[in-house]
N, C-alpha and C. Protein backbone atom coordinates (compact mmCIF):
# COMPACT_ATOMS: atom_id res chain seq x y z
N MET A 1 -26.20 14.92 -61.49
CA MET A 1 -26.61 15.00 -60.07
C MET A 1 -27.94 14.68 -59.50
N THR A 2 -28.99 14.75 -60.76
CA THR A 2 -30.28 14.52 -60.18
C THR A 2 -30.54 12.82 -59.96
N LEU A 3 -29.90 11.94 -60.84
CA LEU A 3 -29.76 10.73 -60.45
C LEU A 3 -28.99 10.13 -59.05
N VAL A 4 -28.01 10.96 -58.77
CA VAL A 4 -27.46 10.82 -57.37
C VAL A 4 -28.61 11.29 -56.23
N ASP A 5 -29.05 12.33 -56.61
CA ASP A 5 -30.10 12.85 -55.41
C ASP A 5 -30.98 11.74 -55.24
N CYS A 6 -31.63 11.24 -56.37
CA CYS A 6 -32.71 10.06 -56.28
C CYS A 6 -32.13 8.59 -55.53
N PHE A 7 -31.10 8.56 -55.99
CA PHE A 7 -30.52 7.12 -55.08
C PHE A 7 -30.29 7.48 -53.66
N ASP A 8 -29.88 8.87 -53.33
CA ASP A 8 -29.74 9.30 -52.07
C ASP A 8 -30.98 9.40 -51.19
N GLN A 9 -32.07 9.85 -51.67
CA GLN A 9 -33.23 10.13 -51.00
C GLN A 9 -34.32 9.46 -52.05
N PRO A 10 -34.41 7.85 -52.14
CA PRO A 10 -35.31 7.31 -52.94
C PRO A 10 -36.79 7.48 -52.85
N ARG A 11 -37.07 8.08 -51.58
CA ARG A 11 -38.34 8.02 -51.27
C ARG A 11 -38.98 9.37 -51.86
N TYR A 12 -38.38 10.34 -52.42
CA TYR A 12 -38.68 11.55 -53.34
C TYR A 12 -38.55 11.08 -54.96
N ALA A 13 -37.85 9.98 -55.18
CA ALA A 13 -37.96 9.75 -56.40
C ALA A 13 -38.88 8.76 -57.17
N GLY A 14 -39.80 8.10 -56.58
CA GLY A 14 -40.78 7.39 -57.31
C GLY A 14 -40.14 5.95 -56.86
N ASP A 15 -40.55 4.91 -57.52
CA ASP A 15 -40.18 3.43 -57.05
C ASP A 15 -38.68 3.03 -57.85
N PHE A 16 -38.16 2.27 -57.21
CA PHE A 16 -36.77 1.68 -57.34
C PHE A 16 -36.46 1.16 -58.89
N GLU A 17 -37.65 0.41 -59.29
CA GLU A 17 -37.92 0.09 -60.70
C GLU A 17 -37.47 1.35 -61.57
N ASN A 18 -37.82 2.30 -61.48
CA ASN A 18 -37.77 3.61 -62.24
C ASN A 18 -36.32 4.34 -62.10
N LEU A 19 -35.86 3.91 -60.83
CA LEU A 19 -34.51 4.46 -60.60
C LEU A 19 -33.44 3.45 -61.39
N ILE A 20 -33.50 2.38 -61.32
CA ILE A 20 -32.78 1.14 -62.48
C ILE A 20 -32.92 1.54 -63.87
N LYS A 21 -33.92 2.02 -64.32
CA LYS A 21 -34.19 2.23 -65.42
C LYS A 21 -33.52 3.47 -65.94
N ALA A 22 -33.48 4.29 -65.41
CA ALA A 22 -32.75 5.78 -65.38
C ALA A 22 -31.29 5.67 -65.39
N PHE A 23 -30.84 4.85 -64.27
CA PHE A 23 -29.41 4.45 -64.27
C PHE A 23 -28.86 3.80 -65.44
N ALA A 24 -29.81 2.68 -65.85
CA ALA A 24 -29.20 1.67 -67.16
C ALA A 24 -29.39 2.75 -68.35
N ARG A 25 -30.18 3.56 -68.48
CA ARG A 25 -30.44 4.49 -69.81
C ARG A 25 -29.49 5.53 -69.65
N ALA A 26 -29.05 5.96 -68.59
CA ALA A 26 -28.51 7.50 -68.73
C ALA A 26 -27.15 7.12 -69.38
N THR A 27 -26.70 8.52 -69.59
CA THR A 27 -25.47 8.86 -70.41
C THR A 27 -24.64 9.50 -69.13
N LEU A 28 -23.68 8.69 -68.56
CA LEU A 28 -23.06 8.81 -67.37
C LEU A 28 -21.50 9.27 -67.65
N ARG A 29 -21.03 9.66 -66.93
CA ARG A 29 -19.53 10.12 -66.98
C ARG A 29 -19.04 9.73 -65.79
N ALA A 30 -17.99 8.95 -65.59
CA ALA A 30 -17.47 8.72 -64.53
C ALA A 30 -16.70 9.65 -63.60
N GLU A 31 -16.08 10.59 -64.29
CA GLU A 31 -15.31 11.72 -63.46
C GLU A 31 -16.51 12.30 -62.67
N LYS A 32 -17.65 12.51 -63.26
CA LYS A 32 -18.97 13.35 -62.61
C LYS A 32 -19.47 12.52 -61.50
N LEU A 33 -19.54 11.10 -61.69
CA LEU A 33 -20.07 10.39 -60.88
C LEU A 33 -19.34 10.40 -59.47
N ILE A 34 -18.05 10.40 -59.62
CA ILE A 34 -16.83 10.37 -58.73
C ILE A 34 -17.06 11.96 -57.87
N THR A 35 -17.11 12.96 -58.54
CA THR A 35 -17.02 14.19 -58.05
C THR A 35 -18.69 14.21 -57.14
N TYR A 36 -19.59 13.93 -57.44
CA TYR A 36 -21.00 13.91 -56.97
C TYR A 36 -21.21 12.88 -55.67
N THR A 37 -20.74 11.94 -56.02
CA THR A 37 -20.99 10.78 -54.81
C THR A 37 -19.87 11.26 -53.69
N LYS A 38 -18.88 11.79 -53.96
CA LYS A 38 -17.96 12.22 -52.89
C LYS A 38 -18.63 13.27 -52.35
N ALA A 39 -19.49 14.15 -52.82
CA ALA A 39 -20.20 15.38 -52.20
C ALA A 39 -21.14 14.89 -51.05
N TYR A 40 -21.57 13.49 -51.45
CA TYR A 40 -22.75 13.11 -50.58
C TYR A 40 -22.13 12.31 -49.43
N ASN A 41 -20.89 11.83 -49.61
CA ASN A 41 -20.22 11.31 -48.53
C ASN A 41 -21.09 10.19 -47.83
N ASN A 42 -21.63 9.16 -48.73
CA ASN A 42 -22.59 8.22 -48.47
C ASN A 42 -22.18 7.01 -48.94
N ILE A 43 -21.44 6.17 -48.14
CA ILE A 43 -20.83 4.98 -48.61
C ILE A 43 -21.85 4.01 -49.28
N ALA A 44 -23.02 3.87 -48.56
CA ALA A 44 -24.17 2.89 -49.24
C ALA A 44 -24.19 3.31 -50.58
N LEU A 45 -24.70 4.81 -50.85
CA LEU A 45 -24.79 5.39 -51.94
C LEU A 45 -23.75 4.94 -53.27
N ILE A 46 -22.28 5.08 -52.95
CA ILE A 46 -21.38 4.65 -53.70
C ILE A 46 -21.42 3.26 -54.08
N LYS A 47 -21.64 2.48 -52.99
CA LYS A 47 -21.75 1.14 -53.20
C LYS A 47 -22.74 0.69 -54.39
N ARG A 48 -23.81 1.07 -54.11
CA ARG A 48 -24.95 0.87 -54.95
C ARG A 48 -24.76 1.32 -56.39
N PHE A 49 -24.03 2.45 -56.44
CA PHE A 49 -23.95 3.10 -57.72
C PHE A 49 -22.55 2.16 -58.61
N GLY A 50 -21.61 1.65 -57.74
CA GLY A 50 -20.68 0.98 -58.28
C GLY A 50 -21.23 -0.44 -58.58
N TYR A 51 -21.98 -1.13 -57.96
CA TYR A 51 -22.46 -2.23 -58.36
C TYR A 51 -23.53 -2.11 -59.52
N LEU A 52 -24.36 -1.02 -59.69
CA LEU A 52 -25.31 -0.97 -60.87
C LEU A 52 -24.34 -0.61 -62.22
N ALA A 53 -23.04 0.47 -61.80
CA ALA A 53 -22.17 0.89 -62.77
C ALA A 53 -21.58 -0.68 -63.45
N SER A 54 -21.19 -1.37 -62.44
CA SER A 54 -20.61 -2.68 -63.15
C SER A 54 -21.57 -3.72 -63.74
N LEU A 55 -22.61 -3.45 -63.54
CA LEU A 55 -23.69 -4.26 -63.97
C LEU A 55 -24.12 -3.68 -65.44
N PHE A 56 -24.24 -2.40 -65.63
CA PHE A 56 -24.94 -1.65 -66.74
C PHE A 56 -23.73 -0.95 -67.77
N HIS A 57 -22.86 -0.41 -67.22
CA HIS A 57 -21.76 0.48 -67.91
C HIS A 57 -20.52 -0.03 -67.40
N PRO A 58 -19.92 -1.15 -67.31
CA PRO A 58 -18.60 -1.66 -66.90
C PRO A 58 -17.38 -1.11 -67.58
N THR A 59 -17.30 -0.88 -68.73
CA THR A 59 -16.34 -0.22 -69.58
C THR A 59 -16.21 1.18 -69.62
N LYS A 60 -17.47 1.65 -69.95
CA LYS A 60 -17.59 3.14 -69.69
C LYS A 60 -17.38 3.78 -68.33
N LEU A 61 -17.73 3.23 -67.17
CA LEU A 61 -17.81 3.65 -65.94
C LEU A 61 -16.41 3.17 -65.40
N ASN A 62 -15.71 2.41 -65.91
CA ASN A 62 -14.21 1.67 -65.13
C ASN A 62 -13.83 2.43 -64.13
N SER A 63 -13.37 3.69 -64.34
CA SER A 63 -12.63 4.43 -63.25
C SER A 63 -13.64 4.70 -62.33
N PHE A 64 -14.82 4.89 -62.30
CA PHE A 64 -15.93 4.96 -61.14
C PHE A 64 -16.01 3.78 -60.48
N ILE A 65 -15.98 2.62 -61.14
CA ILE A 65 -16.11 1.27 -60.49
C ILE A 65 -14.79 0.91 -59.63
N VAL A 66 -13.78 1.44 -59.93
CA VAL A 66 -12.59 1.24 -59.44
C VAL A 66 -12.49 2.14 -58.15
N TYR A 67 -12.80 3.57 -58.52
CA TYR A 67 -13.04 4.52 -57.16
C TYR A 67 -14.15 3.86 -56.06
N ALA A 68 -15.10 3.26 -56.65
CA ALA A 68 -16.03 2.90 -55.80
C ALA A 68 -15.74 1.92 -54.88
N GLN A 69 -15.23 0.80 -55.71
CA GLN A 69 -14.65 -0.22 -54.99
C GLN A 69 -13.79 -0.04 -53.69
N LYS A 70 -12.88 1.08 -53.80
CA LYS A 70 -11.87 1.54 -52.83
C LYS A 70 -12.63 2.18 -51.43
N GLN A 71 -14.03 2.35 -51.89
CA GLN A 71 -14.71 3.09 -50.75
C GLN A 71 -15.49 1.97 -50.19
N VAL A 72 -15.87 0.71 -50.59
CA VAL A 72 -16.61 -0.04 -49.87
C VAL A 72 -16.05 -0.68 -48.42
N ASN A 73 -17.02 -0.45 -47.47
CA ASN A 73 -16.73 -0.90 -46.02
C ASN A 73 -17.16 -2.11 -45.78
N ALA A 74 -17.11 -2.47 -44.65
CA ALA A 74 -17.22 -3.94 -44.06
C ALA A 74 -18.85 -4.15 -44.16
N LYS A 75 -19.62 -3.02 -43.76
CA LYS A 75 -20.95 -2.99 -43.60
C LYS A 75 -21.97 -3.39 -44.62
N TYR A 76 -22.95 -4.19 -44.79
CA TYR A 76 -23.81 -4.59 -45.59
C TYR A 76 -24.68 -3.64 -45.73
N SER A 77 -25.08 -3.17 -46.78
CA SER A 77 -26.16 -2.22 -47.20
C SER A 77 -27.15 -2.70 -48.31
N LEU A 78 -28.52 -2.36 -48.23
CA LEU A 78 -29.42 -2.86 -49.20
C LEU A 78 -29.30 -1.96 -50.31
N ILE A 79 -29.45 -2.91 -51.58
CA ILE A 79 -29.39 -2.43 -52.83
C ILE A 79 -30.72 -1.55 -53.07
N ASP A 80 -31.87 -2.00 -52.55
CA ASP A 80 -32.86 -1.01 -52.52
C ASP A 80 -33.33 -0.57 -50.82
N ALA A 81 -32.72 0.76 -50.73
CA ALA A 81 -32.84 1.13 -49.50
C ALA A 81 -34.18 1.00 -48.64
N GLY A 82 -35.28 1.19 -49.66
CA GLY A 82 -36.67 1.39 -49.20
C GLY A 82 -37.21 -0.19 -48.94
N GLY A 83 -36.20 -1.16 -49.09
CA GLY A 83 -36.83 -2.62 -49.29
C GLY A 83 -36.62 -3.24 -47.92
N PHE A 84 -36.91 -4.59 -47.92
CA PHE A 84 -36.57 -5.44 -46.60
C PHE A 84 -35.30 -6.09 -46.50
N GLU A 85 -34.95 -6.37 -45.28
CA GLU A 85 -33.60 -7.12 -45.17
C GLU A 85 -33.77 -8.58 -45.63
N GLU A 86 -33.79 -8.79 -46.53
CA GLU A 86 -33.63 -10.05 -47.33
C GLU A 86 -32.99 -10.18 -48.38
N GLY A 87 -32.70 -11.53 -48.94
CA GLY A 87 -31.93 -11.55 -50.34
C GLY A 87 -30.68 -11.95 -49.97
N GLU A 88 -29.90 -12.41 -51.22
CA GLU A 88 -28.54 -12.96 -51.17
C GLU A 88 -27.56 -11.71 -50.84
N PHE A 89 -26.39 -12.04 -50.56
CA PHE A 89 -25.41 -10.90 -50.20
C PHE A 89 -24.17 -11.04 -51.09
N ASN A 90 -23.99 -9.88 -51.78
CA ASN A 90 -23.01 -9.53 -52.94
C ASN A 90 -21.61 -9.27 -52.02
N ALA A 91 -20.88 -10.15 -51.86
CA ALA A 91 -19.45 -9.77 -51.07
C ALA A 91 -18.65 -8.68 -51.83
N VAL A 92 -18.60 -8.57 -52.93
CA VAL A 92 -17.59 -7.86 -53.73
C VAL A 92 -18.03 -6.19 -53.26
N TRP A 93 -19.57 -6.15 -53.58
CA TRP A 93 -20.07 -4.64 -53.40
C TRP A 93 -20.43 -4.38 -51.61
N LYS A 94 -20.45 -5.71 -51.00
CA LYS A 94 -21.03 -5.48 -49.56
C LYS A 94 -22.40 -5.02 -49.55
N LEU A 95 -23.40 -5.51 -50.52
CA LEU A 95 -24.77 -5.24 -50.68
C LEU A 95 -25.52 -6.42 -50.43
N ARG A 96 -26.87 -6.13 -49.99
CA ARG A 96 -27.52 -6.87 -49.79
C ARG A 96 -28.72 -6.91 -50.97
N LEU A 97 -28.81 -8.15 -51.93
CA LEU A 97 -29.40 -7.73 -53.07
C LEU A 97 -30.89 -8.23 -52.88
N ASN A 98 -31.73 -7.46 -52.01
CA ASN A 98 -33.19 -7.62 -51.38
C ASN A 98 -33.97 -7.33 -52.77
N VAL A 99 -33.45 -7.10 -54.03
CA VAL A 99 -34.12 -7.36 -55.41
C VAL A 99 -33.11 -8.27 -56.04
N PRO A 100 -33.27 -9.34 -56.52
CA PRO A 100 -32.27 -9.98 -57.19
C PRO A 100 -31.86 -9.44 -58.41
N GLU A 101 -30.50 -10.08 -58.83
CA GLU A 101 -29.84 -9.35 -59.70
C GLU A 101 -30.70 -9.60 -61.19
N LYS A 102 -31.35 -10.57 -61.31
CA LYS A 102 -31.99 -11.00 -62.41
C LYS A 102 -33.05 -9.89 -62.57
N ALA A 103 -33.97 -9.81 -61.59
CA ALA A 103 -34.94 -8.54 -61.55
C ALA A 103 -34.39 -7.28 -62.06
N ILE A 104 -33.17 -6.99 -61.36
CA ILE A 104 -32.78 -5.58 -61.81
C ILE A 104 -32.32 -5.39 -62.97
N ILE A 105 -32.00 -6.65 -63.64
CA ILE A 105 -31.77 -6.55 -65.30
C ILE A 105 -33.02 -6.36 -66.07
N LYS A 106 -33.84 -7.13 -65.42
CA LYS A 106 -35.30 -7.16 -66.25
C LYS A 106 -35.79 -5.60 -66.14
N MET A 107 -35.82 -4.99 -65.00
CA MET A 107 -36.17 -3.85 -64.58
C MET A 107 -35.66 -2.66 -65.80
N ALA A 108 -34.39 -2.96 -66.00
CA ALA A 108 -33.72 -1.97 -66.97
C ALA A 108 -34.00 -2.15 -68.48
N GLU A 109 -34.34 -3.68 -68.68
CA GLU A 109 -35.14 -3.85 -70.06
C GLU A 109 -36.47 -3.39 -70.46
N ASP A 110 -37.14 -3.45 -69.44
CA ASP A 110 -38.55 -3.26 -69.62
C ASP A 110 -38.92 -1.54 -70.09
N ASN A 111 -39.88 -1.44 -71.00
CA ASN A 111 -40.04 -0.23 -71.46
C ASN A 111 -41.02 0.54 -70.08
N TYR A 112 -40.92 1.88 -70.21
CA TYR A 112 -41.74 2.67 -69.51
C TYR A 112 -43.17 2.59 -69.58
């Protein structure tokens, strides 16, 4: 639940890099993610989590990814909500990658 809180209100959670590290390293359960993200009713949050789940936990969180993909709407959201309106568009998740995917993967790999 804390991780969902942090992605919902990133200004209270530190920087984007630490959120990515936390997501990539967390022990997550698909059914809990579905329950928690439904409670927030925030499509941008669901899209971010779906994208990150497909990047870092594609097998383990498959049922969440399927759920999240069904929630995607036509509006593009920023992967880093606190960033600038720039970067490439990911049509699958309707996300604007204002942080490049390679950089996101590198963030997850770097040590604290």
